[in-house]
Amino acid sequence: MTLLELAFAMPILLVAISLFSSALVAMFEQREISRERFLASEAVRSEFERMRNEEIGDVYALFNEDPEDDLLGPGTAPGSRFDVFGLDPLADAPDGLAGEVLLPYVNVAEPGMPPVWELREDMEWESLGMPRDLNRDNVVDAVDHSEDYVLLPVEARVEWVGRFGRKELRMYTLLTGYSMDP
């Protein structure tokens, strides 16, 4: 090989090596991102299944953020936060947990007063399909339906610090109560 051929071949070889190493690094980054998203989505699916294993009428009390309405006494229900094994929650995550269940409820208490939570049909929440008739009475109203809902739209969100920065995953489901009455 002559010196002139070598002078032409070296830049081409360097470009090829550079492209190959860039592709290799990108592949490893994508692999890690996929692993993190898999862990987050599996945690959300598990939380949704946990909710489906409960009676529909109990889900709101079990998975909202209000510990005062827990079925077996204050602080006994799973609540709205959940752990995601293998992911680091954000530094400011409540209770140090990366996962959160979001339900269509609102605090109706006066400012400065303890919270009073209501499950509402009239909320504007497009990703949950709200407003929506939660008790199937063919009326969307502005009253608390925590005792008579038969549909419950749910959003689950996981926020974590991944290897390549802050990440977030959101998933949605609709829980439905089925009647066995003819």
N, C-alpha and C. Protein backbone atom coordinates (compact mmCIF):
# COMPACT_ATOMS: atom_id res chain seq x y z
N MET A 1 0.86 -1.16 0.00
CA MET A 1 0.00 0.00 0.00
C MET A 1 0.92 1.23 0.00
N THR A 2 0.63 2.10 -0.88
CA THR A 2 1.46 3.31 -0.99
C THR A 2 1.02 4.33 0.05
N LEU A 3 1.85 5.31 0.22
CA LEU A 3 1.58 6.37 1.17
C LEU A 3 0.35 7.17 0.75
N LEU A 4 0.14 7.37 -0.54
CA LEU A 4 -1.02 8.09 -1.04
C LEU A 4 -2.30 7.30 -0.77
N GLU A 5 -2.29 6.00 -0.99
CA GLU A 5 -3.47 5.16 -0.70
C GLU A 5 -3.79 5.18 0.79
N LEU A 6 -2.73 5.12 1.60
CA LEU A 6 -2.90 5.16 3.04
C LEU A 6 -3.50 6.50 3.50
N ALA A 7 -3.09 7.59 2.87
CA ALA A 7 -3.61 8.90 3.20
C ALA A 7 -5.09 9.01 2.89
N PHE A 8 -5.54 8.35 1.84
CA PHE A 8 -6.97 8.34 1.51
C PHE A 8 -7.75 7.36 2.38
N ALA A 9 -7.18 6.25 2.74
CA ALA A 9 -7.87 5.21 3.50
C ALA A 9 -8.05 5.56 4.97
N MET A 10 -7.07 6.26 5.56
CA MET A 10 -7.13 6.56 7.00
C MET A 10 -8.35 7.41 7.38
N PRO A 11 -8.65 8.50 6.69
CA PRO A 11 -9.84 9.26 7.07
C PRO A 11 -11.13 8.46 6.92
N ILE A 12 -11.19 7.65 5.88
CA ILE A 12 -12.39 6.81 5.69
C ILE A 12 -12.50 5.81 6.84
N LEU A 13 -11.41 5.22 7.22
CA LEU A 13 -11.40 4.26 8.32
C LEU A 13 -11.76 4.95 9.64
N LEU A 14 -11.25 6.14 9.87
CA LEU A 14 -11.57 6.89 11.09
C LEU A 14 -13.05 7.25 11.15
N VAL A 15 -13.63 7.64 10.01
CA VAL A 15 -15.05 7.96 9.97
C VAL A 15 -15.87 6.70 10.27
N ALA A 16 -15.49 5.58 9.68
CA ALA A 16 -16.20 4.32 9.91
C ALA A 16 -16.13 3.91 11.38
N ILE A 17 -14.96 4.03 11.98
CA ILE A 17 -14.80 3.68 13.39
C ILE A 17 -15.62 4.63 14.27
N SER A 18 -15.61 5.91 13.92
CA SER A 18 -16.39 6.89 14.68
C SER A 18 -17.89 6.59 14.60
N LEU A 19 -18.38 6.29 13.41
CA LEU A 19 -19.79 5.95 13.24
C LEU A 19 -20.16 4.69 14.02
N PHE A 20 -19.29 3.69 13.97
CA PHE A 20 -19.54 2.44 14.68
C PHE A 20 -19.58 2.67 16.18
N SER A 21 -18.63 3.44 16.71
CA SER A 21 -18.61 3.67 18.15
C SER A 21 -19.80 4.52 18.59
N SER A 22 -20.22 5.49 17.77
CA SER A 22 -21.41 6.28 18.09
C SER A 22 -22.66 5.41 18.13
N ALA A 23 -22.76 4.50 17.17
CA ALA A 23 -23.91 3.59 17.13
C ALA A 23 -23.90 2.67 18.35
N LEU A 24 -22.73 2.22 18.74
CA LEU A 24 -22.61 1.35 19.90
C LEU A 24 -23.02 2.08 21.18
N VAL A 25 -22.58 3.31 21.36
CA VAL A 25 -22.95 4.10 22.53
C VAL A 25 -24.45 4.35 22.54
N ALA A 26 -25.02 4.72 21.40
CA ALA A 26 -26.46 4.97 21.30
C ALA A 26 -27.26 3.70 21.63
N MET A 27 -26.76 2.55 21.19
CA MET A 27 -27.44 1.29 21.48
C MET A 27 -27.45 1.03 22.99
N PHE A 28 -26.34 1.26 23.66
CA PHE A 28 -26.29 1.04 25.11
C PHE A 28 -27.18 2.04 25.85
N GLU A 29 -27.23 3.29 25.39
CA GLU A 29 -28.12 4.28 26.00
C GLU A 29 -29.57 3.86 25.84
N GLN A 30 -29.94 3.44 24.62
CA GLN A 30 -31.32 3.04 24.37
C GLN A 30 -31.69 1.80 25.18
N ARG A 31 -30.76 0.93 25.35
CA ARG A 31 -31.00 -0.28 26.15
C ARG A 31 -31.33 0.09 27.60
N GLU A 32 -30.57 1.05 28.16
CA GLU A 32 -30.81 1.48 29.53
C GLU A 32 -32.15 2.22 29.65
N ILE A 33 -32.46 3.06 28.69
CA ILE A 33 -33.74 3.77 28.69
C ILE A 33 -34.88 2.76 28.60
N SER A 34 -34.76 1.78 27.76
CA SER A 34 -35.80 0.74 27.63
C SER A 34 -35.96 -0.04 28.92
N ARG A 35 -34.85 -0.35 29.58
CA ARG A 35 -34.91 -1.08 30.86
C ARG A 35 -35.67 -0.26 31.90
N GLU A 36 -35.35 1.03 31.99
CA GLU A 36 -36.02 1.89 32.96
C GLU A 36 -37.52 1.99 32.66
N ARG A 37 -37.88 2.17 31.39
CA ARG A 37 -39.30 2.28 31.02
C ARG A 37 -40.03 0.97 31.30
N PHE A 38 -39.35 -0.14 31.09
CA PHE A 38 -39.95 -1.44 31.40
C PHE A 38 -40.25 -1.56 32.89
N LEU A 39 -39.29 -1.17 33.74
CA LEU A 39 -39.51 -1.23 35.19
C LEU A 39 -40.68 -0.33 35.59
N ALA A 40 -40.75 0.86 35.02
CA ALA A 40 -41.84 1.79 35.35
C ALA A 40 -43.18 1.23 34.88
N SER A 41 -43.25 0.72 33.66
CA SER A 41 -44.52 0.21 33.15
C SER A 41 -44.98 -1.04 33.88
N GLU A 42 -44.06 -1.88 34.29
CA GLU A 42 -44.42 -3.07 35.06
C GLU A 42 -44.96 -2.68 36.43
N ALA A 43 -44.38 -1.66 37.05
CA ALA A 43 -44.87 -1.19 38.35
C ALA A 43 -46.28 -0.63 38.21
N VAL A 44 -46.55 0.11 37.14
CA VAL A 44 -47.88 0.67 36.92
C VAL A 44 -48.88 -0.45 36.66
N ARG A 45 -48.52 -1.40 35.81
CA ARG A 45 -49.43 -2.53 35.53
C ARG A 45 -49.74 -3.30 36.81
N SER A 46 -48.74 -3.47 37.64
CA SER A 46 -48.94 -4.16 38.92
C SER A 46 -49.90 -3.38 39.82
N GLU A 47 -49.75 -2.06 39.84
CA GLU A 47 -50.63 -1.22 40.67
C GLU A 47 -52.06 -1.27 40.13
N PHE A 48 -52.22 -1.25 38.80
CA PHE A 48 -53.55 -1.36 38.21
C PHE A 48 -54.19 -2.71 38.56
N GLU A 49 -53.42 -3.78 38.53
CA GLU A 49 -53.95 -5.11 38.89
C GLU A 49 -54.32 -5.15 40.37
N ARG A 50 -53.52 -4.51 41.19
CA ARG A 50 -53.83 -4.43 42.62
C ARG A 50 -55.18 -3.73 42.82
N MET A 51 -55.44 -2.70 42.04
CA MET A 51 -56.72 -1.98 42.12
C MET A 51 -57.86 -2.86 41.62
N ARG A 52 -57.62 -3.59 40.54
CA ARG A 52 -58.67 -4.45 39.98
C ARG A 52 -59.03 -5.60 40.91
N ASN A 53 -58.13 -5.96 41.81
CA ASN A 53 -58.40 -7.03 42.76
C ASN A 53 -59.28 -6.59 43.93
N GLU A 54 -59.57 -5.32 44.01
CA GLU A 54 -60.43 -4.78 45.07
C GLU A 54 -61.85 -4.60 44.54
N GLU A 55 -62.79 -4.55 45.46
CA GLU A 55 -64.16 -4.21 45.07
C GLU A 55 -64.16 -2.79 44.52
N ILE A 56 -64.88 -2.56 43.44
CA ILE A 56 -64.86 -1.25 42.80
C ILE A 56 -65.24 -0.14 43.78
N GLY A 57 -66.17 -0.38 44.65
CA GLY A 57 -66.60 0.63 45.61
C GLY A 57 -65.57 0.97 46.67
N ASP A 58 -64.53 0.15 46.80
CA ASP A 58 -63.48 0.40 47.79
C ASP A 58 -62.25 1.07 47.21
N VAL A 59 -62.11 1.04 45.90
CA VAL A 59 -60.87 1.51 45.25
C VAL A 59 -60.58 2.97 45.57
N TYR A 60 -61.57 3.82 45.49
CA TYR A 60 -61.34 5.24 45.75
C TYR A 60 -60.76 5.45 47.16
N ALA A 61 -61.36 4.86 48.17
CA ALA A 61 -60.89 5.04 49.54
C ALA A 61 -59.50 4.42 49.75
N LEU A 62 -59.22 3.33 49.06
CA LEU A 62 -57.94 2.66 49.23
C LEU A 62 -56.78 3.37 48.54
N PHE A 63 -57.04 4.03 47.40
CA PHE A 63 -55.95 4.55 46.58
C PHE A 63 -55.93 6.07 46.43
N ASN A 64 -56.73 6.79 47.22
CA ASN A 64 -56.61 8.25 47.18
C ASN A 64 -55.57 8.69 48.20
N GLU A 65 -55.29 9.98 48.24
CA GLU A 65 -54.24 10.47 49.15
C GLU A 65 -54.75 10.81 50.55
N ASP A 66 -56.05 10.64 50.79
CA ASP A 66 -56.63 10.97 52.08
C ASP A 66 -56.56 9.76 53.03
N PRO A 67 -55.71 9.79 54.04
CA PRO A 67 -55.61 8.65 54.96
C PRO A 67 -56.81 8.54 55.90
N GLU A 68 -57.62 9.59 56.01
CA GLU A 68 -58.75 9.60 56.94
C GLU A 68 -59.91 8.72 56.48
N ASP A 69 -60.01 8.40 55.19
CA ASP A 69 -61.14 7.58 54.73
C ASP A 69 -60.75 6.12 54.48
N ASP A 70 -59.57 5.71 54.94
CA ASP A 70 -59.12 4.33 54.75
C ASP A 70 -60.09 3.37 55.44
N LEU A 71 -60.37 2.27 54.80
CA LEU A 71 -61.41 1.34 55.24
C LEU A 71 -61.17 0.74 56.62
N LEU A 72 -59.92 0.46 56.96
CA LEU A 72 -59.61 -0.16 58.26
C LEU A 72 -59.06 0.83 59.27
N GLY A 73 -59.25 2.11 59.01
CA GLY A 73 -58.77 3.15 59.91
C GLY A 73 -57.71 4.00 59.24
N PRO A 74 -57.47 5.19 59.76
CA PRO A 74 -56.53 6.12 59.16
C PRO A 74 -55.14 5.52 58.92
N GLY A 75 -54.65 5.68 57.69
CA GLY A 75 -53.31 5.23 57.34
C GLY A 75 -53.15 3.76 57.07
N THR A 76 -54.24 3.01 56.90
CA THR A 76 -54.14 1.56 56.69
C THR A 76 -54.21 1.14 55.23
N ALA A 77 -54.57 2.04 54.34
CA ALA A 77 -54.73 1.70 52.92
C ALA A 77 -53.42 1.95 52.17
N PRO A 78 -53.29 1.37 50.96
CA PRO A 78 -52.08 1.60 50.16
C PRO A 78 -51.84 3.08 49.85
N GLY A 79 -52.90 3.84 49.65
CA GLY A 79 -52.76 5.25 49.34
C GLY A 79 -52.40 5.51 47.89
N SER A 80 -52.07 6.74 47.60
CA SER A 80 -51.86 7.15 46.22
C SER A 80 -50.42 7.00 45.75
N ARG A 81 -49.49 6.71 46.63
CA ARG A 81 -48.07 6.59 46.24
C ARG A 81 -47.65 5.13 46.27
N PHE A 82 -46.75 4.76 45.34
CA PHE A 82 -46.24 3.40 45.32
C PHE A 82 -44.77 3.39 44.91
N ASP A 83 -44.09 2.35 45.34
CA ASP A 83 -42.66 2.19 45.07
C ASP A 83 -42.46 1.55 43.70
N VAL A 84 -41.37 1.90 43.07
CA VAL A 84 -41.00 1.30 41.78
C VAL A 84 -39.59 0.72 41.96
N PHE A 85 -39.54 -0.59 42.11
CA PHE A 85 -38.27 -1.27 42.35
C PHE A 85 -37.31 -1.04 41.18
N GLY A 86 -36.09 -0.65 41.49
CA GLY A 86 -35.06 -0.48 40.46
C GLY A 86 -34.94 0.92 39.89
N LEU A 87 -35.82 1.84 40.30
CA LEU A 87 -35.75 3.22 39.82
C LEU A 87 -35.58 4.17 41.00
N ASP A 88 -34.80 5.21 40.79
CA ASP A 88 -34.58 6.22 41.82
C ASP A 88 -35.62 7.32 41.69
N PRO A 89 -36.43 7.54 42.73
CA PRO A 89 -37.43 8.61 42.66
C PRO A 89 -36.75 9.98 42.60
N LEU A 90 -37.51 10.98 42.19
CA LEU A 90 -37.01 12.35 42.19
C LEU A 90 -36.67 12.75 43.62
N ALA A 91 -35.77 13.69 43.78
CA ALA A 91 -35.34 14.12 45.11
C ALA A 91 -36.49 14.67 45.93
N ASP A 92 -37.47 15.31 45.27
CA ASP A 92 -38.58 15.92 46.00
C ASP A 92 -39.85 15.05 45.99
N ALA A 93 -39.71 13.77 45.67
CA ALA A 93 -40.87 12.88 45.63
C ALA A 93 -41.44 12.66 47.02
N PRO A 94 -42.77 12.85 47.18
CA PRO A 94 -43.37 12.60 48.50
C PRO A 94 -43.13 11.16 48.95
N ASP A 95 -42.79 11.01 50.19
CA ASP A 95 -42.51 9.69 50.79
C ASP A 95 -41.36 8.96 50.11
N GLY A 96 -40.63 9.61 49.22
CA GLY A 96 -39.52 8.97 48.53
C GLY A 96 -39.96 7.88 47.57
N LEU A 97 -41.20 7.98 47.06
CA LEU A 97 -41.75 6.96 46.16
C LEU A 97 -41.92 7.55 44.75
N ALA A 98 -41.55 6.78 43.75
CA ALA A 98 -41.57 7.27 42.37
C ALA A 98 -42.95 7.21 41.72
N GLY A 99 -43.83 6.34 42.21
CA GLY A 99 -45.13 6.14 41.57
C GLY A 99 -46.26 6.85 42.29
N GLU A 100 -47.27 7.27 41.48
CA GLU A 100 -48.42 7.95 42.05
C GLU A 100 -49.68 7.59 41.27
N VAL A 101 -50.75 7.30 42.01
CA VAL A 101 -52.07 7.06 41.44
C VAL A 101 -52.84 8.37 41.49
N LEU A 102 -53.40 8.76 40.35
CA LEU A 102 -54.17 10.01 40.27
C LEU A 102 -55.61 9.69 39.91
N LEU A 103 -56.53 10.17 40.75
CA LEU A 103 -57.96 9.95 40.57
C LEU A 103 -58.65 11.29 40.40
N PRO A 104 -59.85 11.31 39.81
CA PRO A 104 -60.53 12.59 39.59
C PRO A 104 -61.20 13.14 40.85
N TYR A 105 -60.40 13.52 41.83
CA TYR A 105 -60.94 14.12 43.03
C TYR A 105 -60.32 15.49 43.23
N VAL A 106 -61.01 16.30 44.01
CA VAL A 106 -60.60 17.68 44.20
C VAL A 106 -60.80 18.06 45.67
N ASN A 107 -59.94 18.94 46.15
CA ASN A 107 -60.05 19.46 47.51
C ASN A 107 -61.04 20.63 47.48
N VAL A 108 -62.16 20.49 48.19
CA VAL A 108 -63.19 21.54 48.20
C VAL A 108 -63.18 22.35 49.50
N ALA A 109 -62.16 22.17 50.32
CA ALA A 109 -62.08 22.92 51.59
C ALA A 109 -61.71 24.38 51.33
N GLU A 110 -62.11 25.21 52.24
CA GLU A 110 -61.73 26.62 52.19
C GLU A 110 -60.21 26.73 52.38
N PRO A 111 -59.58 27.74 51.78
CA PRO A 111 -58.13 27.93 51.97
C PRO A 111 -57.78 28.02 53.45
N GLY A 112 -56.72 27.33 53.82
CA GLY A 112 -56.27 27.33 55.21
C GLY A 112 -56.92 26.27 56.08
N MET A 113 -57.93 25.58 55.55
CA MET A 113 -58.63 24.53 56.30
C MET A 113 -58.06 23.17 55.90
N PRO A 114 -58.28 22.15 56.74
CA PRO A 114 -57.84 20.79 56.36
C PRO A 114 -58.55 20.37 55.06
N PRO A 115 -57.88 19.56 54.24
CA PRO A 115 -58.49 19.18 52.96
C PRO A 115 -59.77 18.38 53.11
N VAL A 116 -60.69 18.62 52.20
CA VAL A 116 -61.93 17.85 52.08
C VAL A 116 -61.98 17.38 50.63
N TRP A 117 -61.80 16.09 50.44
CA TRP A 117 -61.69 15.54 49.09
C TRP A 117 -63.04 15.05 48.58
N GLU A 118 -63.33 15.33 47.31
CA GLU A 118 -64.55 14.85 46.66
C GLU A 118 -64.20 14.23 45.31
N LEU A 119 -64.77 13.06 45.06
CA LEU A 119 -64.66 12.42 43.75
C LEU A 119 -65.71 13.08 42.86
N ARG A 120 -65.26 13.74 41.81
CA ARG A 120 -66.16 14.59 41.04
C ARG A 120 -66.27 14.15 39.59
N GLU A 121 -67.45 14.31 39.04
CA GLU A 121 -67.72 14.02 37.63
C GLU A 121 -67.42 15.22 36.74
N ASP A 122 -67.47 16.42 37.28
CA ASP A 122 -67.41 17.64 36.48
C ASP A 122 -65.99 18.16 36.24
N MET A 123 -64.98 17.42 36.66
CA MET A 123 -63.59 17.86 36.46
C MET A 123 -63.22 17.86 34.99
N GLU A 124 -62.43 18.84 34.59
CA GLU A 124 -61.86 18.87 33.25
C GLU A 124 -60.52 18.15 33.30
N TRP A 125 -60.47 16.96 32.72
CA TRP A 125 -59.23 16.17 32.71
C TRP A 125 -59.27 15.32 31.46
N GLU A 126 -58.80 15.87 30.37
CA GLU A 126 -58.95 15.27 29.06
C GLU A 126 -58.36 13.86 28.97
N SER A 127 -57.18 13.64 29.52
CA SER A 127 -56.56 12.31 29.41
C SER A 127 -57.35 11.23 30.13
N LEU A 128 -58.19 11.59 31.10
CA LEU A 128 -59.05 10.62 31.79
C LEU A 128 -60.46 10.59 31.20
N GLY A 129 -60.69 11.38 30.15
CA GLY A 129 -62.02 11.40 29.56
C GLY A 129 -63.03 12.13 30.43
N MET A 130 -62.55 13.08 31.21
CA MET A 130 -63.42 13.82 32.12
C MET A 130 -63.78 15.15 31.49
N PRO A 131 -64.96 15.68 31.73
CA PRO A 131 -65.98 15.18 32.64
C PRO A 131 -66.63 13.89 32.14
N ARG A 132 -67.14 13.11 33.10
CA ARG A 132 -67.70 11.79 32.80
C ARG A 132 -68.71 11.41 33.87
N ASP A 133 -69.74 10.70 33.47
CA ASP A 133 -70.78 10.23 34.38
C ASP A 133 -70.25 9.01 35.13
N LEU A 134 -69.76 9.19 36.35
CA LEU A 134 -69.13 8.12 37.11
C LEU A 134 -70.12 7.16 37.76
N ASN A 135 -71.33 7.61 38.02
CA ASN A 135 -72.31 6.73 38.68
C ASN A 135 -73.39 6.24 37.71
N ARG A 136 -73.25 6.55 36.46
CA ARG A 136 -74.14 6.10 35.38
C ARG A 136 -75.60 6.48 35.61
N ASP A 137 -75.83 7.69 36.09
CA ASP A 137 -77.20 8.16 36.23
C ASP A 137 -77.59 9.10 35.09
N ASN A 138 -76.75 9.17 34.07
CA ASN A 138 -76.95 9.99 32.88
C ASN A 138 -76.91 11.48 33.16
N VAL A 139 -76.26 11.87 34.25
CA VAL A 139 -76.09 13.28 34.59
C VAL A 139 -74.65 13.48 35.07
N VAL A 140 -73.99 14.49 34.53
CA VAL A 140 -72.67 14.87 35.02
C VAL A 140 -72.88 16.08 35.92
N ASP A 141 -72.66 15.88 37.21
CA ASP A 141 -72.95 16.94 38.17
C ASP A 141 -71.72 17.30 38.99
N ALA A 142 -71.87 18.25 39.89
CA ALA A 142 -70.77 18.77 40.69
C ALA A 142 -70.90 18.36 42.15
N VAL A 143 -71.22 17.09 42.40
CA VAL A 143 -71.32 16.60 43.77
C VAL A 143 -70.33 15.45 43.97
N ASP A 144 -70.12 15.10 45.23
CA ASP A 144 -69.19 14.03 45.59
C ASP A 144 -69.79 12.66 45.23
N HIS A 145 -69.04 11.86 44.47
CA HIS A 145 -69.50 10.53 44.07
C HIS A 145 -68.62 9.42 44.66
N SER A 146 -67.95 9.70 45.77
CA SER A 146 -67.07 8.70 46.37
C SER A 146 -67.83 7.50 46.92
N GLU A 147 -69.13 7.63 47.10
CA GLU A 147 -69.93 6.52 47.64
C GLU A 147 -70.78 5.80 46.59
N ASP A 148 -70.92 6.37 45.38
CA ASP A 148 -71.85 5.75 44.41
C ASP A 148 -71.28 5.59 43.00
N TYR A 149 -69.97 5.72 42.83
CA TYR A 149 -69.40 5.58 41.48
C TYR A 149 -69.38 4.11 41.05
N VAL A 150 -69.51 3.87 39.77
CA VAL A 150 -69.34 2.54 39.20
C VAL A 150 -68.29 2.53 38.09
N LEU A 151 -67.85 3.72 37.68
CA LEU A 151 -66.73 3.90 36.77
C LEU A 151 -65.68 4.72 37.49
N LEU A 152 -64.42 4.35 37.33
CA LEU A 152 -63.36 5.12 37.97
C LEU A 152 -62.16 5.21 37.01
N PRO A 153 -62.01 6.35 36.34
CA PRO A 153 -60.83 6.54 35.50
C PRO A 153 -59.61 6.79 36.39
N VAL A 154 -58.48 6.20 36.00
CA VAL A 154 -57.27 6.26 36.81
C VAL A 154 -56.07 6.60 35.92
N GLU A 155 -55.24 7.49 36.41
CA GLU A 155 -53.94 7.76 35.79
C GLU A 155 -52.88 7.34 36.79
N ALA A 156 -51.87 6.65 36.32
CA ALA A 156 -50.72 6.33 37.16
C ALA A 156 -49.49 6.97 36.52
N ARG A 157 -48.72 7.62 37.36
CA ARG A 157 -47.54 8.33 36.87
C ARG A 157 -46.32 7.86 37.65
N VAL A 158 -45.23 7.63 36.94
CA VAL A 158 -43.95 7.30 37.56
C VAL A 158 -42.95 8.36 37.10
N GLU A 159 -42.30 8.99 38.07
CA GLU A 159 -41.26 9.97 37.79
C GLU A 159 -39.98 9.51 38.48
N TRP A 160 -38.88 9.48 37.73
CA TRP A 160 -37.64 9.00 38.30
C TRP A 160 -36.44 9.72 37.70
N VAL A 161 -35.31 9.56 38.38
CA VAL A 161 -34.04 10.05 37.87
C VAL A 161 -33.35 8.85 37.24
N GLY A 162 -33.28 8.88 35.92
CA GLY A 162 -32.66 7.79 35.19
C GLY A 162 -31.19 8.06 34.95
N ARG A 163 -30.58 7.14 34.32
CA ARG A 163 -29.15 7.29 34.02
C ARG A 163 -28.89 8.48 33.11
N PHE A 164 -29.90 8.86 32.32
CA PHE A 164 -29.74 9.96 31.37
C PHE A 164 -30.67 11.11 31.69
N GLY A 165 -30.98 11.31 32.97
CA GLY A 165 -31.76 12.46 33.38
C GLY A 165 -33.14 12.08 33.91
N ARG A 166 -33.95 13.12 34.10
CA ARG A 166 -35.31 12.97 34.64
C ARG A 166 -36.20 12.31 33.60
N LYS A 167 -36.99 11.34 34.05
CA LYS A 167 -37.89 10.60 33.16
C LYS A 167 -39.28 10.52 33.78
N GLU A 168 -40.27 10.31 32.92
CA GLU A 168 -41.66 10.20 33.38
C GLU A 168 -42.42 9.23 32.47
N LEU A 169 -43.30 8.46 33.09
CA LEU A 169 -44.18 7.55 32.35
C LEU A 169 -45.58 7.73 32.92
N ARG A 170 -46.57 7.84 32.03
CA ARG A 170 -47.98 7.93 32.43
C ARG A 170 -48.76 6.83 31.71
N MET A 171 -49.62 6.18 32.48
CA MET A 171 -50.50 5.16 31.91
C MET A 171 -51.90 5.36 32.49
N TYR A 172 -52.91 4.88 31.75
CA TYR A 172 -54.30 5.13 32.11
C TYR A 172 -55.10 3.83 32.06
N THR A 173 -56.14 3.78 32.90
CA THR A 173 -57.08 2.67 32.84
C THR A 173 -58.44 3.18 33.31
N LEU A 174 -59.46 2.39 33.04
CA LEU A 174 -60.81 2.69 33.50
C LEU A 174 -61.30 1.46 34.26
N LEU A 175 -61.54 1.65 35.55
CA LEU A 175 -62.07 0.56 36.38
C LEU A 175 -63.59 0.63 36.32
N THR A 176 -64.21 -0.53 36.23
CA THR A 176 -65.66 -0.61 36.08
C THR A 176 -66.22 -1.63 37.03
N GLY A 177 -67.34 -1.28 37.65
CA GLY A 177 -68.06 -2.22 38.49
C GLY A 177 -69.07 -2.96 37.64
N TYR A 178 -69.09 -4.26 37.75
CA TYR A 178 -70.01 -5.08 36.99
C TYR A 178 -71.08 -5.62 37.91
N SER A 179 -72.30 -5.60 37.46
CA SER A 179 -73.40 -6.12 38.25
C SER A 179 -73.77 -7.50 37.72
N MET A 180 -73.98 -8.43 38.62
CA MET A 180 -74.38 -9.79 38.24
C MET A 180 -75.90 -9.93 38.28
N ASP A 181 -76.60 -8.84 38.65
CA ASP A 181 -78.05 -8.88 38.69
C ASP A 181 -78.62 -8.95 37.27
N PRO A 182 -79.72 -9.73 37.07
CA PRO A 182 -80.29 -9.82 35.72
C PRO A 182 -80.95 -8.54 35.28
